[in-house]
Amino acid sequence: QVQLVESGGGLVQAGDSLRLSCAASGRTFSDDTMGWFRQAPGKEREFVAIIRWSGGSTLYADSVKGRFTISTDNAKNTVYLQMNNLKSEAAAVYYCAARPSQFLLEVRPSMYDYWGQGTQVTVSS
């Protein structure tokens, strides 16, 4: 049974940092693309950052480029999202997702097969 379990969300002030974690289990993810997505109230789910588990190629949304970093830890089977200089518009539920393909750095949420339950990030200004 595939499980993606996010953690690390919370309430922070604008300008602060947070690190989200996504613990992956239930299958081998070495051939997958892993992504972080977010969804704010009343908005569609949007891609934040993507990484190929093998090889480490990454892609970031323009709104987070230079402030967020996605990474993997093979030994812990965990994907991280380091978020620095958080802005109020970053407030959302953040989801980890897995796509069993590395052919494209896919940004469409519908193309991901596995999802975590989400972790809330709240940013006060």
Protein backbone atom coordinates (compact mmCIF):
# COMPACT_ATOMS: atom_id res chain seq x y z
CA GLN A 1 0.00 0.00 0.00
CA VAL A 2 1.51 3.27 -1.13
CA GLN A 3 1.63 5.99 1.49
CA LEU A 4 2.81 9.56 1.29
CA VAL A 5 2.77 11.27 4.66
CA GLU A 6 3.46 14.98 4.85
CA SER A 7 4.59 16.85 7.94
CA GLY A 8 6.18 20.13 8.91
CA GLY A 9 3.40 22.59 8.26
CA GLY A 10 2.41 25.25 10.75
CA LEU A 11 1.83 28.91 11.49
CA VAL A 12 4.68 31.25 10.67
CA GLN A 13 5.19 34.95 10.08
CA ALA A 14 5.97 36.44 6.69
CA GLY A 15 9.68 36.15 6.03
CA ASP A 16 10.09 32.99 8.12
CA SER A 17 11.14 29.55 6.88
CA LEU A 18 9.58 26.09 7.06
CA ARG A 19 10.68 22.67 5.90
CA LEU A 20 8.02 20.23 4.78
CA SER A 21 8.70 16.50 4.70
CA CYS A 22 7.01 13.74 2.75
CA ALA A 23 7.74 10.19 3.91
CA ALA A 24 7.10 7.74 1.07
CA SER A 25 6.47 4.02 1.52
CA GLY A 26 4.82 1.01 -0.06
CA ARG A 27 6.77 0.80 -3.31
CA THR A 28 10.01 1.82 -4.95
CA PHE A 29 10.02 5.46 -5.94
CA SER A 30 13.42 5.60 -7.63
CA ASP A 31 11.81 5.82 -11.09
CA ASP A 32 9.24 8.39 -10.02
CA THR A 33 8.74 12.08 -10.31
CA MET A 34 7.85 13.60 -6.97
CA GLY A 35 6.01 16.85 -6.59
CA TRP A 36 4.84 19.38 -4.08
CA PHE A 37 1.54 21.05 -4.84
CA ARG A 38 -0.58 23.48 -2.85
CA GLN A 39 -4.20 24.48 -2.68
CA ALA A 40 -5.53 27.65 -1.09
CA PRO A 41 -9.23 28.05 -0.20
CA GLY A 42 -11.31 28.68 -3.31
CA LYS A 43 -8.41 28.05 -5.66
CA GLU A 44 -7.29 25.15 -7.79
CA ARG A 45 -4.43 22.93 -6.78
CA GLU A 46 -1.19 24.25 -8.26
CA PHE A 47 2.28 22.90 -8.70
CA VAL A 48 5.02 24.29 -6.51
CA ALA A 49 8.10 22.14 -7.17
CA ILE A 50 8.97 18.86 -8.87
CA ILE A 51 11.98 16.56 -8.71
CA ARG A 52 13.06 13.37 -10.46
CA TRP A 53 13.92 10.96 -7.67
CA SER A 54 16.82 9.61 -9.70
CA GLY A 55 19.02 12.26 -11.18
CA GLY A 56 17.57 15.14 -9.22
CA SER A 57 16.30 17.36 -12.05
CA THR A 58 13.99 19.98 -10.61
CA LEU A 59 11.36 22.45 -11.72
CA TYR A 60 9.85 25.31 -9.73
CA ALA A 61 6.85 27.54 -10.09
CA ASP A 62 7.90 31.10 -10.90
CA SER A 63 6.29 32.33 -7.68
CA VAL A 64 8.67 30.28 -5.50
CA LYS A 65 11.84 30.16 -7.60
CA GLY A 66 14.87 31.20 -5.59
CA ARG A 67 13.10 30.80 -2.24
CA PHE A 68 11.93 27.16 -2.19
CA THR A 69 14.11 24.08 -2.64
CA ILE A 70 12.91 20.53 -3.28
CA SER A 71 15.18 17.62 -2.43
CA THR A 72 15.17 13.90 -1.72
CA ASP A 73 16.84 11.67 0.85
CA ASN A 74 17.15 8.18 -0.58
CA ALA A 75 18.12 6.61 2.72
CA LYS A 76 15.00 7.94 4.41
CA ASN A 77 12.73 7.65 1.35
CA THR A 78 11.70 11.22 2.02
CA VAL A 79 11.08 14.29 -0.11
CA TYR A 80 11.59 17.74 1.37
CA LEU A 81 10.44 21.23 0.52
CA GLN A 82 12.52 23.94 2.13
CA MET A 83 10.57 27.18 2.06
CA ASN A 84 12.39 30.40 2.84
CA ASN A 85 11.18 33.99 3.01
CA LEU A 86 7.58 32.89 3.11
CA LYS A 87 4.99 35.32 1.81
CA SER A 88 1.33 35.55 2.80
CA GLU A 89 0.27 34.16 -0.57
CA ALA A 90 2.06 30.91 0.26
CA ALA A 91 -0.65 30.03 2.78
CA ALA A 92 -2.30 26.82 1.63
CA VAL A 93 -2.54 23.10 2.20
CA TYR A 94 0.60 21.54 0.77
CA TYR A 95 0.44 18.10 -0.79
CA CYS A 96 3.12 15.63 -1.77
CA ALA A 97 2.51 13.54 -4.89
CA ALA A 98 4.19 10.76 -6.84
CA ARG A 99 4.07 9.99 -10.54
CA PRO A 100 5.53 6.65 -11.73
CA SER A 101 7.37 8.20 -14.65
CA GLN A 102 10.36 10.43 -15.16
CA PHE A 103 9.72 11.10 -18.82
CA LEU A 104 8.52 14.64 -18.19
CA LEU A 105 8.64 17.04 -15.29
CA GLU A 106 4.87 17.06 -15.23
CA VAL A 107 3.19 20.07 -13.58
CA ARG A 108 -0.44 18.97 -13.96
CA PRO A 109 -1.82 17.53 -10.70
CA SER A 110 -4.09 15.17 -12.65
CA MET A 111 -1.03 13.30 -13.91
CA TYR A 112 0.05 12.19 -10.43
CA ASP A 113 -1.14 8.83 -9.12
CA TYR A 114 -0.40 9.02 -5.43
CA TRP A 115 -1.13 11.81 -2.96
CA GLY A 116 -0.59 12.53 0.68
CA GLN A 117 -3.19 13.92 3.01
CA GLY A 118 -1.71 17.41 3.03
CA THR A 119 -0.19 19.70 5.62
CA GLN A 120 -1.43 23.21 6.39
CA VAL A 121 0.88 26.20 6.03
CA THR A 122 -0.40 29.48 7.44
CA VAL A 123 1.53 32.71 6.99
CA SER A 124 0.68 35.78 9.04
CA SER A 125 1.72 39.19 7.79
